Amino acid sequence: MRKRHRDDSGPVASWLTTYSDMMSLLLAFFVLLFSFSVIDEHRFATFITAFQNYMGIIGEGTGPLEQPGPLPMDYSDLGRRQLYELFQELSELVEEEGMTGVQLELEERGLIVRFAEQVFFDLGEATLKPEAIQALRTIAPTLRELPNPLRVEGHTDNWPISTARFPSNWELSVHRATNVVRFLVEEEGFDPQKLSAAGYSEYRPIRSNDTAEDRAMNRRVDIVILNIDLWDYEPN
């Protein structure tokens, strides 16, 4: 008599496959819950902020930060991953050194290291303060060897200025950016071919300029670590 072999290709096999998938999902879910139970709150908040900025989501109270428009290329995973790892490294450095008046933001174009005016300059002036020099010396070792191009951007509020040295906010914002670039090149040994300076006057605000606090937020210097994929689009 011939023995009958059990056929495992029917409904029973399908049921086992579904059950196995469900068990795998449950395992992953509980591992995720466990990781949340031991996660550092500061790191988690930092990650959420970075993710929101990276996806173009503006958090409550951050003001009208201009979102980047469409770019003429696709970003590689390498460029994105490098910027996020750099974001984490600089976040730890800022916290460990107790640096005040410094913010980090991830955007599509790159990572912004934002310095408040009161840290870098006196009101209406473009000479680097001792606090600015100390802040630049602190972050310089991290930024100096990066392959990325760096752009230093000067910004002001909308209050007019008219002095012999700075006839308008345009001159003030440009001088502030170029003074930072000169310091990085002459004092910290940065490659000048990777640096550029730009002044935007009052026309790239991150707040409304309606209050003294908002105007103070708009007076700033940004060091933008451009996504490495933008390097080919920088002037040679």
C-alpha atoms as a PDB file:
ATOM      1  CA  MET A   1       0.000   0.000   0.000  1.00  0.00           C
ATOM      2  CA  ARG A   2       1.373   3.466  -0.970  1.00  0.00           C
ATOM      3  CA  LYS A   3       1.638   6.045   1.837  1.00  0.00           C
ATOM      4  CA  ARG A   4      -0.021   9.401   1.357  1.00  0.00           C
ATOM      5  CA  HIS A   5       2.230  12.406   1.820  1.00  0.00           C
ATOM      6  CA  ARG A   6       0.839  15.440   3.633  1.00  0.00           C
ATOM      7  CA  ASP A   7       0.425  18.450   1.382  1.00  0.00           C
ATOM      8  CA  ASP A   8       1.790  21.591   3.141  1.00  0.00           C
ATOM      9  CA  SER A   9       0.887  23.910   0.312  1.00  0.00           C
ATOM     10  CA  GLY A  10      -2.739  24.327   1.302  1.00  0.00           C
ATOM     11  CA  PRO A  11      -4.547  26.617   3.798  1.00  0.00           C
ATOM     12  CA  VAL A  12      -2.475  25.349   6.746  1.00  0.00           C
ATOM     13  CA  ALA A  13       0.778  26.661   5.221  1.00  0.00           C
ATOM     14  CA  SER A  14      -0.800  30.039   4.481  1.00  0.00           C
ATOM     15  CA  TRP A  15      -2.070  30.282   8.056  1.00  0.00           C
ATOM     16  CA  LEU A  16       1.405  29.526   9.413  1.00  0.00           C
ATOM     17  CA  THR A  17       2.932  32.227   7.207  1.00  0.00           C
ATOM     18  CA  THR A  18       0.443  34.827   8.463  1.00  0.00           C
ATOM     19  CA  TYR A  19       1.001  33.738  12.067  1.00  0.00           C
ATOM     20  CA  SER A  20       4.767  33.981  11.666  1.00  0.00           C
ATOM     21  CA  ASP A  21       4.487  37.491  10.201  1.00  0.00           C
ATOM     22  CA  MET A  22       2.259  38.576  13.087  1.00  0.00           C
ATOM     23  CA  MET A  23       4.717  37.227  15.664  1.00  0.00           C
ATOM     24  CA  SER A  24       7.593  39.075  13.972  1.00  0.00           C
ATOM     25  CA  LEU A  25       5.630  42.318  14.021  1.00  0.00           C
ATOM     26  CA  LEU A  26       4.751  41.895  17.688  1.00  0.00           C
ATOM     27  CA  LEU A  27       8.394  41.232  18.538  1.00  0.00           C
ATOM     28  CA  ALA A  28       9.477  44.360  16.676  1.00  0.00           C
ATOM     29  CA  PHE A  29       6.745  46.363  18.419  1.00  0.00           C
ATOM     30  CA  PHE A  30       7.838  45.301  21.916  1.00  0.00           C
ATOM     31  CA  VAL A  31      11.501  45.947  21.105  1.00  0.00           C
ATOM     32  CA  LEU A  32      10.484  49.443  19.994  1.00  0.00           C
ATOM     33  CA  LEU A  33       8.539  50.000  23.222  1.00  0.00           C
ATOM     34  CA  PHE A  34      11.528  48.887  25.246  1.00  0.00           C
ATOM     35  CA  SER A  35      13.854  51.232  23.375  1.00  0.00           C
ATOM     36  CA  PHE A  36      11.477  54.141  24.091  1.00  0.00           C
ATOM     37  CA  SER A  37      11.436  53.252  27.768  1.00  0.00           C
ATOM     38  CA  VAL A  38      15.199  53.797  28.073  1.00  0.00           C
ATOM     39  CA  ILE A  39      15.757  56.544  25.498  1.00  0.00           C
ATOM     40  CA  ASP A  40      17.371  59.789  26.597  1.00  0.00           C
ATOM     41  CA  GLU A  41      14.716  62.512  26.536  1.00  0.00           C
ATOM     42  CA  HIS A  42      17.078  65.192  25.270  1.00  0.00           C
ATOM     43  CA  ARG A  43      18.267  63.012  22.398  1.00  0.00           C
ATOM     44  CA  PHE A  44      14.704  62.076  21.494  1.00  0.00           C
ATOM     45  CA  ALA A  45      13.605  65.742  21.462  1.00  0.00           C
ATOM     46  CA  THR A  46      16.644  66.606  19.349  1.00  0.00           C
ATOM     47  CA  PHE A  47      15.778  63.851  16.883  1.00  0.00           C
ATOM     48  CA  ILE A  48      12.153  64.993  16.582  1.00  0.00           C
ATOM     49  CA  THR A  49      13.212  68.609  15.971  1.00  0.00           C
ATOM     50  CA  ALA A  50      15.728  67.545  13.348  1.00  0.00           C
ATOM     51  CA  PHE A  51      13.202  65.299  11.620  1.00  0.00           C
ATOM     52  CA  GLN A  52      10.578  68.055  11.526  1.00  0.00           C
ATOM     53  CA  ASN A  53      12.987  70.571  10.056  1.00  0.00           C
ATOM     54  CA  TYR A  54      14.294  68.019   7.563  1.00  0.00           C
ATOM     55  CA  MET A  55      10.769  67.274   6.353  1.00  0.00           C
ATOM     56  CA  GLY A  56       9.851  70.951   6.164  1.00  0.00           C
ATOM     57  CA  ILE A  57       7.644  70.957   9.273  1.00  0.00           C
ATOM     58  CA  ILE A  58       7.786  74.118  11.363  1.00  0.00           C
ATOM     59  CA  GLY A  59       7.337  73.556  15.056  1.00  0.00           C
ATOM     60  CA  GLU A  60       5.144  75.796  17.200  1.00  0.00           C
ATOM     61  CA  GLY A  61       6.775  79.123  17.976  1.00  0.00           C
ATOM     62  CA  THR A  62       9.716  78.790  15.571  1.00  0.00           C
ATOM     63  CA  GLY A  63       8.513  81.622  13.325  1.00  0.00           C
ATOM     64  CA  PRO A  64       8.268  81.978   9.560  1.00  0.00           C
ATOM     65  CA  LEU A  65      11.425  80.117   8.544  1.00  0.00           C
ATOM     66  CA  GLU A  66      11.579  80.116   4.776  1.00  0.00           C
ATOM     67  CA  GLN A  67      11.399  76.600   3.411  1.00  0.00           C
ATOM     68  CA  PRO A  68      13.757  75.512   0.642  1.00  0.00           C
ATOM     69  CA  GLY A  69      12.335  75.267  -2.842  1.00  0.00           C
ATOM     70  CA  PRO A  70      12.870  72.462  -5.353  1.00  0.00           C
ATOM     71  CA  LEU A  71      16.514  71.697  -6.061  1.00  0.00           C
ATOM     72  CA  PRO A  72      17.995  70.668  -9.427  1.00  0.00           C
ATOM     73  CA  MET A  73      19.212  67.275  -8.305  1.00  0.00           C
ATOM     74  CA  ASP A  74      18.363  64.219  -6.245  1.00  0.00           C
ATOM     75  CA  TYR A  75      20.013  63.920  -2.864  1.00  0.00           C
ATOM     76  CA  SER A  76      21.983  60.785  -2.122  1.00  0.00           C
ATOM     77  CA  ASP A  77      21.477  58.772   1.038  1.00  0.00           C
ATOM     78  CA  LEU A  78      25.132  59.422   1.851  1.00  0.00           C
ATOM     79  CA  GLY A  79      24.640  63.195   1.981  1.00  0.00           C
ATOM     80  CA  ARG A  80      21.545  62.946   4.160  1.00  0.00           C
ATOM     81  CA  ARG A  81      23.116  60.486   6.564  1.00  0.00           C
ATOM     82  CA  GLN A  82      26.286  62.562   6.903  1.00  0.00           C
ATOM     83  CA  LEU A  83      24.323  65.696   7.798  1.00  0.00           C
ATOM     84  CA  TYR A  84      22.224  63.910  10.406  1.00  0.00           C
ATOM     85  CA  GLU A  85      25.297  62.348  12.041  1.00  0.00           C
ATOM     86  CA  LEU A  86      26.941  65.777  12.054  1.00  0.00           C
ATOM     87  CA  PHE A  87      23.792  67.230  13.620  1.00  0.00           C
ATOM     88  CA  GLN A  88      24.067  64.726  16.462  1.00  0.00           C
ATOM     89  CA  GLU A  89      27.782  65.389  16.950  1.00  0.00           C
ATOM     90  CA  LEU A  90      27.361  69.170  17.074  1.00  0.00           C
ATOM     91  CA  SER A  91      24.328  68.887  19.363  1.00  0.00           C
ATOM     92  CA  GLU A  92      26.431  66.977  21.884  1.00  0.00           C
ATOM     93  CA  LEU A  93      29.256  69.503  21.552  1.00  0.00           C
ATOM     94  CA  VAL A  94      26.954  72.489  22.133  1.00  0.00           C
ATOM     95  CA  GLU A  95      25.464  70.801  25.194  1.00  0.00           C
ATOM     96  CA  GLU A  96      28.801  69.693  26.661  1.00  0.00           C
ATOM     97  CA  GLU A  97      30.377  73.146  26.213  1.00  0.00           C
ATOM     98  CA  GLY A  98      27.306  74.953  27.545  1.00  0.00           C
ATOM     99  CA  MET A  99      27.197  77.182  24.470  1.00  0.00           C
ATOM    100  CA  THR A 100      24.381  79.752  24.603  1.00  0.00           C
ATOM    101  CA  GLY A 101      22.790  81.563  21.698  1.00  0.00           C
ATOM    102  CA  VAL A 102      23.497  78.638  19.353  1.00  0.00           C
ATOM    103  CA  GLN A 103      20.835  76.702  17.448  1.00  0.00           C
ATOM    104  CA  LEU A 104      21.071  73.830  14.986  1.00  0.00           C
ATOM    105  CA  GLU A 105      18.614  73.226  12.162  1.00  0.00           C
ATOM    106  CA  LEU A 106      18.519  70.623   9.417  1.00  0.00           C
ATOM    107  CA  GLU A 107      17.188  71.792   6.077  1.00  0.00           C
ATOM    108  CA  GLU A 108      17.119  70.234   2.648  1.00  0.00           C
ATOM    109  CA  ARG A 109      20.133  72.307   1.588  1.00  0.00           C
ATOM    110  CA  GLY A 110      22.223  71.425   4.631  1.00  0.00           C
ATOM    111  CA  LEU A 111      22.841  71.848   8.354  1.00  0.00           C
ATOM    112  CA  ILE A 112      22.585  75.360   9.809  1.00  0.00           C
ATOM    113  CA  VAL A 113      24.653  76.398  12.824  1.00  0.00           C
ATOM    114  CA  ARG A 114      22.865  79.584  13.922  1.00  0.00           C
ATOM    115  CA  PHE A 115      24.478  82.183  16.184  1.00  0.00           C
ATOM    116  CA  ALA A 116      22.478  84.973  17.822  1.00  0.00           C
ATOM    117  CA  GLU A 117      23.752  88.522  17.310  1.00  0.00           C
ATOM    118  CA  GLN A 118      24.315  89.136  21.025  1.00  0.00           C
ATOM    119  CA  VAL A 119      26.885  86.311  21.012  1.00  0.00           C
ATOM    120  CA  PHE A 120      28.780  87.524  17.957  1.00  0.00           C
ATOM    121  CA  PHE A 121      28.449  91.307  17.637  1.00  0.00           C
ATOM    122  CA  ASP A 122      27.493  94.488  19.420  1.00  0.00           C
ATOM    123  CA  LEU A 123      24.370  96.163  18.063  1.00  0.00           C
ATOM    124  CA  GLY A 124      25.091  97.810  14.717  1.00  0.00           C
ATOM    125  CA  GLU A 125      28.703  96.551  14.645  1.00  0.00           C
ATOM    126  CA  ALA A 126      30.558  93.886  12.668  1.00  0.00           C
ATOM    127  CA  THR A 127      33.609  93.284  14.887  1.00  0.00           C
ATOM    128  CA  LEU A 128      33.686  89.796  16.398  1.00  0.00           C
ATOM    129  CA  LYS A 129      33.211  89.803  20.166  1.00  0.00           C
ATOM    130  CA  PRO A 130      35.385  87.605  22.440  1.00  0.00           C
ATOM    131  CA  GLU A 131      32.367  85.338  22.912  1.00  0.00           C
ATOM    132  CA  ALA A 132      32.160  84.904  19.137  1.00  0.00           C
ATOM    133  CA  ILE A 133      35.829  84.007  18.877  1.00  0.00           C
ATOM    134  CA  GLN A 134      35.443  81.413  21.637  1.00  0.00           C
ATOM    135  CA  ALA A 135      32.365  79.901  19.959  1.00  0.00           C
ATOM    136  CA  LEU A 136      34.113  79.670  16.587  1.00  0.00           C
ATOM    137  CA  ARG A 137      37.205  78.105  18.154  1.00  0.00           C
ATOM    138  CA  THR A 138      34.962  75.506  19.824  1.00  0.00           C
ATOM    139  CA  ILE A 139      33.260  74.317  16.646  1.00  0.00           C
ATOM    140  CA  ALA A 140      36.205  74.867  14.264  1.00  0.00           C
ATOM    141  CA  PRO A 141      37.849  71.424  14.780  1.00  0.00           C
ATOM    142  CA  THR A 142      34.579  69.715  13.843  1.00  0.00           C
ATOM    143  CA  LEU A 143      33.958  71.838  10.741  1.00  0.00           C
ATOM    144  CA  ARG A 144      37.488  72.354   9.415  1.00  0.00           C
ATOM    145  CA  GLU A 145      38.059  68.894   7.924  1.00  0.00           C
ATOM    146  CA  LEU A 146      34.578  68.446   6.467  1.00  0.00           C
ATOM    147  CA  PRO A 147      34.453  67.838   2.712  1.00  0.00           C
ATOM    148  CA  ASN A 148      31.322  70.011   2.512  1.00  0.00           C
ATOM    149  CA  PRO A 149      31.268  73.611   1.289  1.00  0.00           C
ATOM    150  CA  LEU A 150      30.427  76.118   4.039  1.00  0.00           C
ATOM    151  CA  ARG A 151      28.451  79.302   3.541  1.00  0.00           C
ATOM    152  CA  VAL A 152      28.428  82.044   6.172  1.00  0.00           C
ATOM    153  CA  GLU A 153      25.271  84.153   6.001  1.00  0.00           C
ATOM    154  CA  GLY A 154      24.696  87.494   7.737  1.00  0.00           C
ATOM    155  CA  HIS A 155      21.167  88.652   8.665  1.00  0.00           C
ATOM    156  CA  THR A 156      19.701  91.761  10.287  1.00  0.00           C
ATOM    157  CA  ASP A 157      16.306  92.930  11.492  1.00  0.00           C
ATOM    158  CA  ASN A 158      14.280  95.563   9.621  1.00  0.00           C
ATOM    159  CA  TRP A 159      15.391  98.582  11.646  1.00  0.00           C
ATOM    160  CA  PRO A 160      17.297 100.887   9.292  1.00  0.00           C
ATOM    161  CA  ILE A 161      20.939 101.773   9.871  1.00  0.00           C
ATOM    162  CA  SER A 162      22.843 104.673   8.322  1.00  0.00           C
ATOM    163  CA  THR A 163      26.422 105.231   9.460  1.00  0.00           C
ATOM    164  CA  ALA A 164      29.622 106.153   7.679  1.00  0.00           C
ATOM    165  CA  ARG A 165      30.712 102.517   7.698  1.00  0.00           C
ATOM    166  CA  PHE A 166      27.327 100.867   7.153  1.00  0.00           C
ATOM    167  CA  PRO A 167      24.998 102.976   4.982  1.00  0.00           C
ATOM    168  CA  SER A 168      22.362 100.208   5.141  1.00  0.00           C
ATOM    169  CA  ASN A 169      21.657  96.774   6.548  1.00  0.00           C
ATOM    170  CA  TRP A 170      23.088  95.272   3.368  1.00  0.00           C
ATOM    171  CA  GLU A 171      26.602  96.452   4.213  1.00  0.00           C
ATOM    172  CA  LEU A 172      26.220  95.415   7.849  1.00  0.00           C
ATOM    173  CA  SER A 173      25.085  91.872   7.048  1.00  0.00           C
ATOM    174  CA  VAL A 174      27.827  91.374   4.441  1.00  0.00           C
ATOM    175  CA  HIS A 175      30.585  92.678   6.725  1.00  0.00           C
ATOM    176  CA  ARG A 176      29.472  90.378   9.530  1.00  0.00           C
ATOM    177  CA  ALA A 177      29.556  87.333   7.242  1.00  0.00           C
ATOM    178  CA  THR A 178      32.932  88.193   5.733  1.00  0.00           C
ATOM    179  CA  ASN A 179      34.485  88.838   9.151  1.00  0.00           C
ATOM    180  CA  VAL A 180      33.491  85.333  10.222  1.00  0.00           C
ATOM    181  CA  VAL A 181      34.930  83.886   7.003  1.00  0.00           C
ATOM    182  CA  ARG A 182      38.205  85.791   7.476  1.00  0.00           C
ATOM    183  CA  PHE A 183      38.525  84.531  11.037  1.00  0.00           C
ATOM    184  CA  LEU A 184      37.976  80.909   9.976  1.00  0.00           C
ATOM    185  CA  VAL A 185      40.557  81.188   7.197  1.00  0.00           C
ATOM    186  CA  GLU A 186      43.203  83.336   8.902  1.00  0.00           C
ATOM    187  CA  GLU A 187      42.928  82.084  12.477  1.00  0.00           C
ATOM    188  CA  GLU A 188      41.576  78.549  12.182  1.00  0.00           C
ATOM    189  CA  GLY A 189      43.151  77.346   8.941  1.00  0.00           C
ATOM    190  CA  PHE A 190      39.990  76.652   6.936  1.00  0.00           C
ATOM    191  CA  ASP A 191      40.333  75.985   3.211  1.00  0.00           C
ATOM    192  CA  PRO A 192      39.171  79.256   1.590  1.00  0.00           C
ATOM    193  CA  GLN A 193      37.989  77.364  -1.489  1.00  0.00           C
ATOM    194  CA  LYS A 194      35.280  75.721   0.630  1.00  0.00           C
ATOM    195  CA  LEU A 195      34.034  78.985   2.157  1.00  0.00           C
ATOM    196  CA  SER A 196      31.714  81.692   0.888  1.00  0.00           C
ATOM    197  CA  ALA A 197      29.997  84.691   2.475  1.00  0.00           C
ATOM    198  CA  ALA A 198      26.561  86.175   1.847  1.00  0.00           C
ATOM    199  CA  GLY A 199      24.610  89.075   3.322  1.00  0.00           C
ATOM    200  CA  TYR A 200      20.817  89.043   3.235  1.00  0.00           C
ATOM    201  CA  SER A 201      20.094  92.248   5.152  1.00  0.00           C
ATOM    202  CA  GLU A 202      16.566  92.048   6.611  1.00  0.00           C
ATOM    203  CA  TYR A 203      15.067  89.919   3.852  1.00  0.00           C
ATOM    204  CA  ARG A 204      15.424  86.387   5.253  1.00  0.00           C
ATOM    205  CA  PRO A 205      13.703  86.741   8.651  1.00  0.00           C
ATOM    206  CA  ILE A 206      12.861  83.784  10.863  1.00  0.00           C
ATOM    207  CA  ARG A 207      10.531  85.898  13.023  1.00  0.00           C
ATOM    208  CA  SER A 208       8.062  88.702  12.350  1.00  0.00           C
ATOM    209  CA  ASN A 209      10.113  91.774  13.471  1.00  0.00           C
ATOM    210  CA  ASP A 210       7.036  92.940  15.419  1.00  0.00           C
ATOM    211  CA  THR A 211       8.672  92.744  18.846  1.00  0.00           C
ATOM    212  CA  ALA A 212      12.132  93.346  20.279  1.00  0.00           C
ATOM    213  CA  GLU A 213      12.475  89.620  20.953  1.00  0.00           C
ATOM    214  CA  ASP A 214      11.610  88.718  17.366  1.00  0.00           C
ATOM    215  CA  ARG A 215      13.994  91.331  15.965  1.00  0.00           C
ATOM    216  CA  ALA A 216      16.771  89.919  18.140  1.00  0.00           C
ATOM    217  CA  MET A 217      16.118  86.459  16.665  1.00  0.00           C
ATOM    218  CA  ASN A 218      16.416  87.850  13.140  1.00  0.00           C
ATOM    219  CA  ARG A 219      19.803  89.456  13.868  1.00  0.00           C
ATOM    220  CA  ARG A 220      22.015  86.424  13.438  1.00  0.00           C
ATOM    221  CA  VAL A 221      24.868  84.734  11.610  1.00  0.00           C
ATOM    222  CA  ASP A 222      24.316  81.311  10.064  1.00  0.00           C
ATOM    223  CA  ILE A 223      27.081  78.909   9.126  1.00  0.00           C
ATOM    224  CA  VAL A 224      25.479  76.592   6.581  1.00  0.00           C
ATOM    225  CA  ILE A 225      27.142  73.225   6.055  1.00  0.00           C
ATOM    226  CA  LEU A 226      25.843  72.482   2.584  1.00  0.00           C
ATOM    227  CA  ASN A 227      24.831  68.986   1.607  1.00  0.00           C
ATOM    228  CA  ILE A 228      27.856  67.341   0.002  1.00  0.00           C
ATOM    229  CA  ASP A 229      25.757  66.721  -3.098  1.00  0.00           C
ATOM    230  CA  LEU A 230      25.704  70.478  -3.673  1.00  0.00           C
ATOM    231  CA  TRP A 231      29.478  70.663  -4.004  1.00  0.00           C
ATOM    232  CA  ASP A 232      29.382  70.238  -7.802  1.00  0.00           C
ATOM    233  CA  TYR A 233      26.960  73.166  -8.019  1.00  0.00           C
ATOM    234  CA  GLU A 234      29.249  75.579  -6.197  1.00  0.00           C
ATOM    235  CA  PRO A 235      31.328  77.959  -8.388  1.00  0.00           C
ATOM    236  CA  ASN A 236      34.848  76.698  -9.041  1.00  0.00           C
END
